[in-house]
Amino acid sequence: MINVVGQTIVPTLDLPEGLQIHVAQYQPTERPMEDRYSVNLTDDGRRLLIGVYDGAHFEGHGGPETADHISKVLPPQLLARPSSEHAEQFKQLDDSMLLNFKKDHSIFRRRSSNWVHNAQLMKSGSTALVLDVNLQNLSANYANLGDCRLAVCDSNAGENGPLKFQTNDLNMNTLSERERLSQDHPKEEQFVVGNRLFGRLMCTRGFGDGYYKLPRGLFGDSLHRRYIDTISSVERKGKITMNAQYASLFYAYKTPPYITSRPETGSIQLKKDNYIIMATDGYWDIISTEEATRIVLQGAAGHENNLAKYLLETVKTTTSPGDDVTIIVFQA
């Protein structure tokens, strides 16, 4: 089953005149959509927060639980604090998820009533990319945790072209990420195999993914094995569980965490007639930022009423996405 959802302007928000948000999603397989997105506006109408979240990650495991949780919990937490505190809020949320899971394994207390949910948040993972816009002056702050990508293009482009800004993809294909991991885990080489973490994971930053964050224990891997047993107990039917593959999955697991929840942050000054594209890596895997920029401006010139869906349908004429795709286009 192929699922294509197009939405022109988020209807529950009272956006200022001239601002538009377009959304499109695509699911190329029969499994449930694992991407999520969020659009939130403060009560006073001054701050707009847009987010895209790419769920799952681990081959054969994962699921949408972490992306679903983050898309609901993170935006109100960010909007309750100054935009300068995005990085701290990201880390605090992920730390609280890890702590809740570890509490369920304390010898001093029983498992909580939410232990299954807490374990599911560790079994799956999610990248996150958010844009926090001050609608009074169009100053914006972004926080990028993973390899979703944001691009800003100008419909009144000069000689340097319409692409004005793009975020960095933060995964194992990025040299700075591999260098960071080498510095964080000196004298460890075996955890990178085939340009993936432990030969399995491309992501280097994200929420959840507890199996590569949880501690080993004081004596060998006994504590970590117990954590993995719990994570395996909430695995979907038909999957080979992690504890059944423990030796091959965690053979070089020495100094966790190997995945960080601290995002790359920055600020952008937007202006009228800018178009902001935010999308999960399922889209960026098959198209360059420059080409996406050209397509969105072409669609705007042709008065397309859903630029996100236009971006999706245009690329599908030449290449079919192999992964979940979520695209948001924000017109300032």
C-alpha atoms as a PDB file:
ATOM      1  CA  MET A   1       0.000   0.000   0.000  1.00  0.00           C
ATOM      2  CA  ILE A   2       1.288   3.453  -0.903  1.00  0.00           C
ATOM      3  CA  ASN A   3       0.140   6.292   1.290  1.00  0.00           C
ATOM      4  CA  VAL A   4       0.358   9.865   0.042  1.00  0.00           C
ATOM      5  CA  VAL A   5      -1.017  12.637   2.237  1.00  0.00           C
ATOM      6  CA  GLY A   6      -1.146  16.237   1.084  1.00  0.00           C
ATOM      7  CA  GLN A   7      -2.252  19.083   3.292  1.00  0.00           C
ATOM      8  CA  THR A   8      -2.458  22.757   2.394  1.00  0.00           C
ATOM      9  CA  ILE A   9      -2.087  25.042   5.418  1.00  0.00           C
ATOM     10  CA  VAL A  10      -2.462  23.433   8.821  1.00  0.00           C
ATOM     11  CA  PRO A  11      -6.146  24.154   9.549  1.00  0.00           C
ATOM     12  CA  THR A  12      -6.021  24.201  13.369  1.00  0.00           C
ATOM     13  CA  LEU A  13      -3.623  27.133  13.509  1.00  0.00           C
ATOM     14  CA  ASP A  14      -4.520  30.801  13.146  1.00  0.00           C
ATOM     15  CA  LEU A  15      -1.476  31.832  11.125  1.00  0.00           C
ATOM     16  CA  PRO A  16      -0.782  35.460  10.278  1.00  0.00           C
ATOM     17  CA  GLU A  17      -1.844  36.529   6.812  1.00  0.00           C
ATOM     18  CA  GLY A  18       0.588  35.464   4.112  1.00  0.00           C
ATOM     19  CA  LEU A  19       2.134  32.553   6.040  1.00  0.00           C
ATOM     20  CA  GLN A  20       1.468  29.093   4.691  1.00  0.00           C
ATOM     21  CA  ILE A  21       2.491  25.600   5.742  1.00  0.00           C
ATOM     22  CA  HIS A  22       2.235  22.669   3.326  1.00  0.00           C
ATOM     23  CA  VAL A  23       2.716  19.024   4.326  1.00  0.00           C
ATOM     24  CA  ALA A  24       3.108  15.782   2.372  1.00  0.00           C
ATOM     25  CA  GLN A  25       3.958  12.253   3.495  1.00  0.00           C
ATOM     26  CA  TYR A  26       4.728   9.087   1.564  1.00  0.00           C
ATOM     27  CA  GLN A  27       4.916   5.482   2.770  1.00  0.00           C
ATOM     28  CA  PRO A  28       6.333   3.097   0.134  1.00  0.00           C
ATOM     29  CA  THR A  29       5.617  -0.175   1.972  1.00  0.00           C
ATOM     30  CA  GLU A  30       2.774  -1.854   3.842  1.00  0.00           C
ATOM     31  CA  ARG A  31       4.242  -1.236   7.292  1.00  0.00           C
ATOM     32  CA  PRO A  32       3.001   1.756   9.325  1.00  0.00           C
ATOM     33  CA  MET A  33       4.434   5.213   8.702  1.00  0.00           C
ATOM     34  CA  GLU A  34       7.367   5.778  11.074  1.00  0.00           C
ATOM     35  CA  ASP A  35       7.882   9.491  10.312  1.00  0.00           C
ATOM     36  CA  ARG A  36       6.091  12.152  12.322  1.00  0.00           C
ATOM     37  CA  TYR A  37       5.786  15.941  12.105  1.00  0.00           C
ATOM     38  CA  SER A  38       4.532  18.740  14.339  1.00  0.00           C
ATOM     39  CA  VAL A  39       3.302  22.300  13.920  1.00  0.00           C
ATOM     40  CA  ASN A  40       2.724  24.362  17.072  1.00  0.00           C
ATOM     41  CA  LEU A  41       1.924  28.010  17.749  1.00  0.00           C
ATOM     42  CA  THR A  42       2.180  29.779  21.104  1.00  0.00           C
ATOM     43  CA  ASP A  43      -1.028  31.157  22.587  1.00  0.00           C
ATOM     44  CA  ASP A  44       0.043  34.708  21.851  1.00  0.00           C
ATOM     45  CA  GLY A  45       0.712  33.833  18.199  1.00  0.00           C
ATOM     46  CA  ARG A  46       4.294  35.081  18.318  1.00  0.00           C
ATOM     47  CA  ARG A  47       6.263  31.843  18.018  1.00  0.00           C
ATOM     48  CA  LEU A  48       5.788  29.089  15.471  1.00  0.00           C
ATOM     49  CA  LEU A  49       7.560  25.764  15.919  1.00  0.00           C
ATOM     50  CA  ILE A  50       7.750  23.250  13.046  1.00  0.00           C
ATOM     51  CA  GLY A  51       9.323  19.822  13.395  1.00  0.00           C
ATOM     52  CA  VAL A  52      10.008  16.648  11.415  1.00  0.00           C
ATOM     53  CA  TYR A  53      10.969  13.359  13.072  1.00  0.00           C
ATOM     54  CA  ASP A  54      12.333  10.224  11.421  1.00  0.00           C
ATOM     55  CA  GLY A  55      11.587   7.087  13.422  1.00  0.00           C
ATOM     56  CA  ALA A  56      12.960   3.523  13.632  1.00  0.00           C
ATOM     57  CA  HIS A  57      16.673   3.459  12.532  1.00  0.00           C
ATOM     58  CA  PHE A  58      17.834   0.002  13.611  1.00  0.00           C
ATOM     59  CA  GLU A  59      17.614  -2.544  10.798  1.00  0.00           C
ATOM     60  CA  GLY A  60      14.747  -4.935  11.449  1.00  0.00           C
ATOM     61  CA  HIS A  61      13.812  -3.347  14.769  1.00  0.00           C
ATOM     62  CA  GLY A  62      12.729   0.111  15.824  1.00  0.00           C
ATOM     63  CA  GLY A  63       9.224   1.272  15.035  1.00  0.00           C
ATOM     64  CA  PRO A  64       7.379   4.592  15.309  1.00  0.00           C
ATOM     65  CA  GLU A  65       7.079   4.773  19.113  1.00  0.00           C
ATOM     66  CA  THR A  66       9.947   7.173  19.800  1.00  0.00           C
ATOM     67  CA  ALA A  67       9.158   9.511  16.895  1.00  0.00           C
ATOM     68  CA  ASP A  68       5.505   9.574  17.941  1.00  0.00           C
ATOM     69  CA  HIS A  69       6.425  10.354  21.557  1.00  0.00           C
ATOM     70  CA  ILE A  70       8.952  13.056  20.678  1.00  0.00           C
ATOM     71  CA  SER A  71       6.635  14.776  18.192  1.00  0.00           C
ATOM     72  CA  LYS A  72       4.056  15.224  20.957  1.00  0.00           C
ATOM     73  CA  VAL A  73       6.255  15.950  23.984  1.00  0.00           C
ATOM     74  CA  LEU A  74       9.150  17.989  22.597  1.00  0.00           C
ATOM     75  CA  PRO A  75       7.339  20.975  20.936  1.00  0.00           C
ATOM     76  CA  PRO A  76       5.472  22.238  24.037  1.00  0.00           C
ATOM     77  CA  GLN A  77       8.640  21.835  26.114  1.00  0.00           C
ATOM     78  CA  LEU A  78      10.623  23.920  23.618  1.00  0.00           C
ATOM     79  CA  LEU A  79       7.966  26.630  23.386  1.00  0.00           C
ATOM     80  CA  ALA A  80       7.835  26.907  27.177  1.00  0.00           C
ATOM     81  CA  ARG A  81      11.495  27.984  27.234  1.00  0.00           C
ATOM     82  CA  PRO A  82      13.611  30.518  25.290  1.00  0.00           C
ATOM     83  CA  SER A  83      14.748  29.280  21.890  1.00  0.00           C
ATOM     84  CA  SER A  84      18.355  29.614  23.066  1.00  0.00           C
ATOM     85  CA  GLU A  85      17.773  26.562  25.290  1.00  0.00           C
ATOM     86  CA  HIS A  86      16.893  24.082  22.533  1.00  0.00           C
ATOM     87  CA  ALA A  87      19.988  21.923  23.028  1.00  0.00           C
ATOM     88  CA  GLU A  88      19.436  21.620  26.781  1.00  0.00           C
ATOM     89  CA  GLN A  89      15.773  20.711  26.298  1.00  0.00           C
ATOM     90  CA  PHE A  90      16.653  17.996  23.760  1.00  0.00           C
ATOM     91  CA  LYS A  91      19.132  16.409  26.138  1.00  0.00           C
ATOM     92  CA  GLN A  92      16.879  16.682  29.180  1.00  0.00           C
ATOM     93  CA  LEU A  93      14.044  14.919  27.358  1.00  0.00           C
ATOM     94  CA  ASP A  94      16.245  12.062  26.191  1.00  0.00           C
ATOM     95  CA  ASP A  95      17.864  11.763  29.622  1.00  0.00           C
ATOM     96  CA  SER A  96      14.416  11.487  31.215  1.00  0.00           C
ATOM     97  CA  MET A  97      13.483   8.664  28.816  1.00  0.00           C
ATOM     98  CA  LEU A  98      16.655   6.762  29.696  1.00  0.00           C
ATOM     99  CA  LEU A  99      16.125   7.370  33.422  1.00  0.00           C
ATOM    100  CA  ASN A 100      12.526   6.115  33.318  1.00  0.00           C
ATOM    101  CA  PHE A 101      13.694   2.919  31.623  1.00  0.00           C
ATOM    102  CA  LYS A 102      16.549   2.367  34.098  1.00  0.00           C
ATOM    103  CA  LYS A 103      14.217   2.941  37.064  1.00  0.00           C
ATOM    104  CA  ASP A 104      12.167  -0.018  35.873  1.00  0.00           C
ATOM    105  CA  HIS A 105      15.259  -2.170  36.495  1.00  0.00           C
ATOM    106  CA  SER A 106      16.173  -0.847  39.922  1.00  0.00           C
ATOM    107  CA  ILE A 107      16.505  -3.490  42.630  1.00  0.00           C
ATOM    108  CA  PHE A 108      14.814  -1.056  45.018  1.00  0.00           C
ATOM    109  CA  ARG A 109      11.497  -0.745  43.189  1.00  0.00           C
ATOM    110  CA  ARG A 110       9.026  -2.615  41.045  1.00  0.00           C
ATOM    111  CA  ARG A 111       8.549  -1.971  37.376  1.00  0.00           C
ATOM    112  CA  SER A 112       6.304   0.988  36.711  1.00  0.00           C
ATOM    113  CA  SER A 113       2.921   0.646  35.032  1.00  0.00           C
ATOM    114  CA  ASN A 114       4.522   2.302  31.964  1.00  0.00           C
ATOM    115  CA  TRP A 115       7.423  -0.166  31.657  1.00  0.00           C
ATOM    116  CA  VAL A 116       6.321  -1.411  28.221  1.00  0.00           C
ATOM    117  CA  HIS A 117       6.135   2.137  26.845  1.00  0.00           C
ATOM    118  CA  ASN A 118       9.489   3.005  28.439  1.00  0.00           C
ATOM    119  CA  ALA A 119      11.054  -0.075  26.823  1.00  0.00           C
ATOM    120  CA  GLN A 120       9.554   0.748  23.424  1.00  0.00           C
ATOM    121  CA  LEU A 121      11.160   4.202  23.570  1.00  0.00           C
ATOM    122  CA  MET A 122      14.526   2.511  24.043  1.00  0.00           C
ATOM    123  CA  LYS A 123      13.911  -0.099  21.323  1.00  0.00           C
ATOM    124  CA  SER A 124      13.158   2.517  18.680  1.00  0.00           C
ATOM    125  CA  GLY A 125      14.784   5.844  17.928  1.00  0.00           C
ATOM    126  CA  SER A 126      14.083   9.130  16.233  1.00  0.00           C
ATOM    127  CA  THR A 127      15.968  11.989  14.678  1.00  0.00           C
ATOM    128  CA  ALA A 128      14.487  15.454  15.128  1.00  0.00           C
ATOM    129  CA  LEU A 129      14.704  18.726  13.251  1.00  0.00           C
ATOM    130  CA  VAL A 130      12.843  21.761  14.565  1.00  0.00           C
ATOM    131  CA  LEU A 131      12.558  25.361  13.404  1.00  0.00           C
ATOM    132  CA  ASP A 132      11.458  27.951  15.967  1.00  0.00           C
ATOM    133  CA  VAL A 133      10.272  31.154  14.249  1.00  0.00           C
ATOM    134  CA  ASN A 134       9.594  34.539  15.815  1.00  0.00           C
ATOM    135  CA  LEU A 135       6.677  35.626  13.640  1.00  0.00           C
ATOM    136  CA  GLN A 136       7.091  39.290  14.539  1.00  0.00           C
ATOM    137  CA  ASN A 137      10.509  39.701  12.922  1.00  0.00           C
ATOM    138  CA  LEU A 138      11.035  36.296  11.184  1.00  0.00           C
ATOM    139  CA  SER A 139      14.183  35.525  13.165  1.00  0.00           C
ATOM    140  CA  ALA A 140      14.467  31.770  13.545  1.00  0.00           C
ATOM    141  CA  ASN A 141      16.418  29.183  15.505  1.00  0.00           C
ATOM    142  CA  TYR A 142      16.890  25.593  14.423  1.00  0.00           C
ATOM    143  CA  ALA A 143      17.958  22.446  16.253  1.00  0.00           C
ATOM    144  CA  ASN A 144      19.072  19.462  14.193  1.00  0.00           C
ATOM    145  CA  LEU A 145      19.457  16.030  15.779  1.00  0.00           C
ATOM    146  CA  GLY A 146      20.318  13.633  12.956  1.00  0.00           C
ATOM    147  CA  ASP A 147      19.958  13.675   9.202  1.00  0.00           C
ATOM    148  CA  CYS A 148      16.672  15.366   8.454  1.00  0.00           C
ATOM    149  CA  ARG A 149      17.501  18.505   6.493  1.00  0.00           C
ATOM    150  CA  LEU A 150      16.315  22.108   6.366  1.00  0.00           C
ATOM    151  CA  ALA A 151      16.828  24.354   3.355  1.00  0.00           C
ATOM    152  CA  VAL A 152      15.998  28.038   2.926  1.00  0.00           C
ATOM    153  CA  CYS A 153      15.504  29.450  -0.547  1.00  0.00           C
ATOM    154  CA  ASP A 154      14.761  32.950  -1.762  1.00  0.00           C
ATOM    155  CA  SER A 155      12.229  33.531  -4.508  1.00  0.00           C
ATOM    156  CA  ASN A 156      14.019  36.810  -5.308  1.00  0.00           C
ATOM    157  CA  ALA A 157      17.362  35.111  -5.860  1.00  0.00           C
ATOM    158  CA  GLY A 158      20.422  37.038  -6.906  1.00  0.00           C
ATOM    159  CA  GLU A 159      23.442  35.871  -8.842  1.00  0.00           C
ATOM    160  CA  ASN A 160      24.438  33.430  -6.086  1.00  0.00           C
ATOM    161  CA  GLY A 161      21.307  31.356  -6.643  1.00  0.00           C
ATOM    162  CA  PRO A 162      18.138  30.736  -4.639  1.00  0.00           C
ATOM    163  CA  LEU A 163      19.604  28.404  -1.970  1.00  0.00           C
ATOM    164  CA  LYS A 164      20.459  30.571   1.028  1.00  0.00           C
ATOM    165  CA  PHE A 165      21.045  28.036   3.777  1.00  0.00           C
ATOM    166  CA  GLN A 166      20.956  24.332   4.573  1.00  0.00           C
ATOM    167  CA  THR A 167      21.630  22.288   7.697  1.00  0.00           C
ATOM    168  CA  ASN A 168      24.299  19.614   7.917  1.00  0.00           C
ATOM    169  CA  ASP A 169      23.354  15.952   7.774  1.00  0.00           C
ATOM    170  CA  LEU A 170      24.637  14.400  11.008  1.00  0.00           C
ATOM    171  CA  ASN A 171      25.279  10.701  10.433  1.00  0.00           C
ATOM    172  CA  MET A 172      28.088   8.263   9.660  1.00  0.00           C
ATOM    173  CA  ASN A 173      28.522   9.764   6.189  1.00  0.00           C
ATOM    174  CA  THR A 174      29.614  13.063   7.759  1.00  0.00           C
ATOM    175  CA  LEU A 175      33.331  13.400   8.423  1.00  0.00           C
ATOM    176  CA  SER A 176      32.857  15.639  11.468  1.00  0.00           C
ATOM    177  CA  GLU A 177      30.589  13.023  13.060  1.00  0.00           C
ATOM    178  CA  ARG A 178      33.118  10.220  12.528  1.00  0.00           C
ATOM    179  CA  GLU A 179      35.829  12.446  13.994  1.00  0.00           C
ATOM    180  CA  ARG A 180      33.635  13.256  17.009  1.00  0.00           C
ATOM    181  CA  LEU A 181      33.017   9.559  17.636  1.00  0.00           C
ATOM    182  CA  SER A 182      36.742   8.815  17.390  1.00  0.00           C
ATOM    183  CA  GLN A 183      37.477  11.511  19.968  1.00  0.00           C
ATOM    184  CA  ASP A 184      34.698  10.311  22.283  1.00  0.00           C
ATOM    185  CA  HIS A 185      35.835   6.680  22.030  1.00  0.00           C
ATOM    186  CA  PRO A 186      39.637   6.707  21.661  1.00  0.00           C
ATOM    187  CA  LYS A 187      41.433   3.444  20.910  1.00  0.00           C
ATOM    188  CA  GLU A 188      38.151   1.869  19.808  1.00  0.00           C
ATOM    189  CA  GLU A 189      37.963   0.923  16.155  1.00  0.00           C
ATOM    190  CA  GLN A 190      35.673  -2.072  15.972  1.00  0.00           C
ATOM    191  CA  PHE A 191      32.454  -0.156  16.642  1.00  0.00           C
ATOM    192  CA  VAL A 192      32.580   1.230  13.071  1.00  0.00           C
ATOM    193  CA  VAL A 193      32.001  -1.461  10.443  1.00  0.00           C
ATOM    194  CA  GLY A 194      31.021  -0.745   6.852  1.00  0.00           C
ATOM    195  CA  ASN A 195      30.657   2.964   7.699  1.00  0.00           C
ATOM    196  CA  ARG A 196      27.926   2.166  10.237  1.00  0.00           C
ATOM    197  CA  LEU A 197      27.844   2.008  14.010  1.00  0.00           C
ATOM    198  CA  PHE A 198      28.482  -1.657  14.840  1.00  0.00           C
ATOM    199  CA  GLY A 199      27.748  -2.388  11.192  1.00  0.00           C
ATOM    200  CA  ARG A 200      24.076  -1.562  11.720  1.00  0.00           C
ATOM    201  CA  LEU A 201      23.236   2.052  12.444  1.00  0.00           C
ATOM    202  CA  MET A 202      23.804   5.074  10.195  1.00  0.00           C
ATOM    203  CA  CYS A 203      22.501   7.554  12.780  1.00  0.00           C
ATOM    204  CA  THR A 204      24.928   9.166  15.208  1.00  0.00           C
ATOM    205  CA  ARG A 205      22.464  11.513  16.922  1.00  0.00           C
ATOM    206  CA  GLY A 206      18.912  10.877  18.030  1.00  0.00           C
ATOM    207  CA  PHE A 207      16.352  10.279  20.729  1.00  0.00           C
ATOM    208  CA  GLY A 208      15.917   6.761  22.090  1.00  0.00           C
ATOM    209  CA  ASP A 209      18.121   4.048  20.539  1.00  0.00           C
ATOM    210  CA  GLY A 210      18.823   3.000  24.108  1.00  0.00           C
ATOM    211  CA  TYR A 211      20.634  -0.192  23.168  1.00  0.00           C
ATOM    212  CA  TYR A 212      23.673   1.953  22.212  1.00  0.00           C
ATOM    213  CA  LYS A 213      23.339   4.361  25.160  1.00  0.00           C
ATOM    214  CA  LEU A 214      22.632   2.202  28.220  1.00  0.00           C
ATOM    215  CA  PRO A 215      25.546   1.334  30.554  1.00  0.00           C
ATOM    216  CA  ARG A 216      27.273  -2.051  30.514  1.00  0.00           C
ATOM    217  CA  GLY A 217      27.382  -2.542  34.268  1.00  0.00           C
ATOM    218  CA  LEU A 218      30.202  -2.699  36.786  1.00  0.00           C
ATOM    219  CA  PHE A 219      31.128  -6.306  36.076  1.00  0.00           C
ATOM    220  CA  GLY A 220      31.103  -7.185  32.380  1.00  0.00           C
ATOM    221  CA  ASP A 221      27.925  -6.807  30.358  1.00  0.00           C
ATOM    222  CA  SER A 222      25.436  -8.307  32.814  1.00  0.00           C
ATOM    223  CA  LEU A 223      23.421  -5.111  33.322  1.00  0.00           C
ATOM    224  CA  HIS A 224      23.375  -4.248  29.624  1.00  0.00           C
ATOM    225  CA  ARG A 225      22.267  -7.805  28.780  1.00  0.00           C
ATOM    226  CA  ARG A 226      19.387  -7.437  31.245  1.00  0.00           C
ATOM    227  CA  TYR A 227      18.371  -4.163  29.570  1.00  0.00           C
ATOM    228  CA  ILE A 228      18.466  -5.837  26.154  1.00  0.00           C
ATOM    229  CA  ASP A 229      16.331  -8.707  27.464  1.00  0.00           C
ATOM    230  CA  THR A 230      13.631  -6.182  28.392  1.00  0.00           C
ATOM    231  CA  ILE A 231      13.896  -4.372  25.056  1.00  0.00           C
ATOM    232  CA  SER A 232      13.648  -7.724  23.267  1.00  0.00           C
ATOM    233  CA  SER A 233      10.512  -8.634  25.235  1.00  0.00           C
ATOM    234  CA  VAL A 234       8.580  -5.800  23.548  1.00  0.00           C
ATOM    235  CA  GLU A 235       9.823  -6.626  20.032  1.00  0.00           C
ATOM    236  CA  ARG A 236       7.238  -7.044  17.298  1.00  0.00           C
ATOM    237  CA  LYS A 237       6.292 -10.598  16.418  1.00  0.00           C
ATOM    238  CA  GLY A 238       8.286 -12.185  13.634  1.00  0.00           C
ATOM    239  CA  LYS A 239      11.490 -10.244  14.388  1.00  0.00           C
ATOM    240  CA  ILE A 240      14.736 -11.811  15.561  1.00  0.00           C
ATOM    241  CA  THR A 241      15.220 -10.244  18.967  1.00  0.00           C
ATOM    242  CA  MET A 242      18.324  -8.323  20.012  1.00  0.00           C
ATOM    243  CA  ASN A 243      19.146 -10.674  22.870  1.00  0.00           C
ATOM    244  CA  ALA A 244      19.207 -13.571  20.397  1.00  0.00           C
ATOM    245  CA  GLN A 245      21.909 -11.661  18.458  1.00  0.00           C
ATOM    246  CA  TYR A 246      23.703 -10.123  21.413  1.00  0.00           C
ATOM    247  CA  ALA A 247      27.193 -11.346  20.544  1.00  0.00           C
ATOM    248  CA  SER A 248      27.081  -9.989  16.988  1.00  0.00           C
ATOM    249  CA  LEU A 249      25.305  -6.709  17.833  1.00  0.00           C
ATOM    250  CA  PHE A 250      27.354  -5.654  20.854  1.00  0.00           C
ATOM    251  CA  TYR A 251      30.725  -7.348  20.342  1.00  0.00           C
ATOM    252  CA  ALA A 252      32.609  -4.027  20.702  1.00  0.00           C
ATOM    253  CA  TYR A 253      30.294  -2.291  23.175  1.00  0.00           C
ATOM    254  CA  LYS A 254      32.678  -0.694  25.692  1.00  0.00           C
ATOM    255  CA  THR A 255      32.117   3.015  26.379  1.00  0.00           C
ATOM    256  CA  PRO A 256      28.498   4.055  25.788  1.00  0.00           C
ATOM    257  CA  PRO A 257      26.783   6.217  24.795  1.00  0.00           C
ATOM    258  CA  TYR A 258      27.653   5.921  21.109  1.00  0.00           C
ATOM    259  CA  ILE A 259      24.699   8.099  20.055  1.00  0.00           C
ATOM    260  CA  THR A 260      24.213  11.618  21.380  1.00  0.00           C
ATOM    261  CA  SER A 261      20.978  13.520  21.987  1.00  0.00           C
ATOM    262  CA  ARG A 262      22.646  16.930  21.719  1.00  0.00           C
ATOM    263  CA  PRO A 263      21.561  18.707  18.505  1.00  0.00           C
ATOM    264  CA  GLU A 264      23.429  21.095  16.271  1.00  0.00           C
ATOM    265  CA  THR A 265      21.818  24.515  16.738  1.00  0.00           C
ATOM    266  CA  GLY A 266      21.931  27.832  14.950  1.00  0.00           C
ATOM    267  CA  SER A 267      19.996  30.919  13.917  1.00  0.00           C
ATOM    268  CA  ILE A 268      18.671  32.176  10.588  1.00  0.00           C
ATOM    269  CA  GLN A 269      17.182  35.509   9.612  1.00  0.00           C
ATOM    270  CA  LEU A 270      14.252  34.777   7.334  1.00  0.00           C
ATOM    271  CA  LYS A 271      12.493  37.335   5.182  1.00  0.00           C
ATOM    272  CA  LYS A 272       9.282  37.640   3.228  1.00  0.00           C
ATOM    273  CA  ASP A 273       9.078  35.403   0.173  1.00  0.00           C
ATOM    274  CA  ASN A 274      11.509  32.860   1.617  1.00  0.00           C
ATOM    275  CA  TYR A 275      10.547  29.212   1.290  1.00  0.00           C
ATOM    276  CA  ILE A 276      11.728  26.791   3.957  1.00  0.00           C
ATOM    277  CA  ILE A 277      11.867  23.080   3.114  1.00  0.00           C
ATOM    278  CA  MET A 278      12.121  20.558   5.941  1.00  0.00           C
ATOM    279  CA  ALA A 279      12.211  16.850   5.118  1.00  0.00           C
ATOM    280  CA  THR A 280      13.272  13.474   6.428  1.00  0.00           C
ATOM    281  CA  ASP A 281      16.196  11.663   4.825  1.00  0.00           C
ATOM    282  CA  GLY A 282      13.875   9.456   2.772  1.00  0.00           C
ATOM    283  CA  TYR A 283      13.479  12.492   0.530  1.00  0.00           C
ATOM    284  CA  TRP A 284      17.054  13.789   0.612  1.00  0.00           C
ATOM    285  CA  ASP A 285      18.378  10.328  -0.269  1.00  0.00           C
ATOM    286  CA  ILE A 286      17.010  10.775  -3.797  1.00  0.00           C
ATOM    287  CA  ILE A 287      17.322  14.491  -4.509  1.00  0.00           C
ATOM    288  CA  SER A 288      19.837  17.275  -3.925  1.00  0.00           C
ATOM    289  CA  THR A 289      19.019  20.395  -1.956  1.00  0.00           C
ATOM    290  CA  GLU A 290      19.630  22.542  -5.035  1.00  0.00           C
ATOM    291  CA  GLU A 291      17.176  20.534  -7.119  1.00  0.00           C
ATOM    292  CA  ALA A 292      14.519  20.633  -4.386  1.00  0.00           C
ATOM    293  CA  THR A 293      14.964  24.395  -4.186  1.00  0.00           C
ATOM    294  CA  ARG A 294      14.481  24.721  -7.939  1.00  0.00           C
ATOM    295  CA  ILE A 295      11.335  22.572  -7.821  1.00  0.00           C
ATOM    296  CA  VAL A 296       9.702  24.460  -4.953  1.00  0.00           C
ATOM    297  CA  LEU A 297      10.246  27.814  -6.672  1.00  0.00           C
ATOM    298  CA  GLN A 298       8.915  26.354  -9.904  1.00  0.00           C
ATOM    299  CA  GLY A 299       5.821  25.205  -8.043  1.00  0.00           C
ATOM    300  CA  ALA A 300       5.383  28.595  -6.389  1.00  0.00           C
ATOM    301  CA  ALA A 301       5.630  30.333  -9.760  1.00  0.00           C
ATOM    302  CA  GLY A 302       2.982  27.955 -11.081  1.00  0.00           C
ATOM    303  CA  HIS A 303       0.694  28.691  -8.108  1.00  0.00           C
ATOM    304  CA  GLU A 304       0.648  25.091  -6.875  1.00  0.00           C
ATOM    305  CA  ASN A 305      -1.617  24.961  -3.829  1.00  0.00           C
ATOM    306  CA  ASN A 306       0.507  22.366  -1.987  1.00  0.00           C
ATOM    307  CA  LEU A 307       4.220  22.859  -2.507  1.00  0.00           C
ATOM    308  CA  ALA A 308       5.180  19.893  -0.304  1.00  0.00           C
ATOM    309  CA  LYS A 309       3.075  17.539  -2.374  1.00  0.00           C
ATOM    310  CA  TYR A 310       4.462  19.121  -5.543  1.00  0.00           C
ATOM    311  CA  LEU A 311       8.007  18.411  -4.319  1.00  0.00           C
ATOM    312  CA  LEU A 312       7.047  14.804  -3.640  1.00  0.00           C
ATOM    313  CA  GLU A 313       5.161  14.145  -6.863  1.00  0.00           C
ATOM    314  CA  THR A 314       7.836  15.802  -9.005  1.00  0.00           C
ATOM    315  CA  VAL A 315      10.664  13.624  -7.684  1.00  0.00           C
ATOM    316  CA  LYS A 316       8.486  10.506  -7.970  1.00  0.00           C
ATOM    317  CA  THR A 317       8.285  10.981 -11.740  1.00  0.00           C
ATOM    318  CA  THR A 318      11.942   9.914 -11.957  1.00  0.00           C
ATOM    319  CA  THR A 319      12.718   8.048  -8.706  1.00  0.00           C
ATOM    320  CA  SER A 320      10.509   6.181  -6.267  1.00  0.00           C
ATOM    321  CA  PRO A 321      11.481   6.721  -2.609  1.00  0.00           C
ATOM    322  CA  GLY A 322      12.509   3.571  -0.796  1.00  0.00           C
ATOM    323  CA  ASP A 323      11.936   4.987   2.686  1.00  0.00           C
ATOM    324  CA  ASP A 324       9.275   6.965   4.500  1.00  0.00           C
ATOM    325  CA  VAL A 325       9.141  10.585   3.362  1.00  0.00           C
ATOM    326  CA  THR A 326       7.843  13.625   5.221  1.00  0.00           C
ATOM    327  CA  ILE A 327       8.085  17.080   3.652  1.00  0.00           C
ATOM    328  CA  ILE A 328       7.017  20.419   5.115  1.00  0.00           C
ATOM    329  CA  VAL A 329       7.211  23.674   3.173  1.00  0.00           C
ATOM    330  CA  PHE A 330       6.823  26.908   5.117  1.00  0.00           C
ATOM    331  CA  GLN A 331       6.280  30.076   3.147  1.00  0.00           C
ATOM    332  CA  ALA A 332       7.287  33.172   5.121  1.00  0.00           C
END
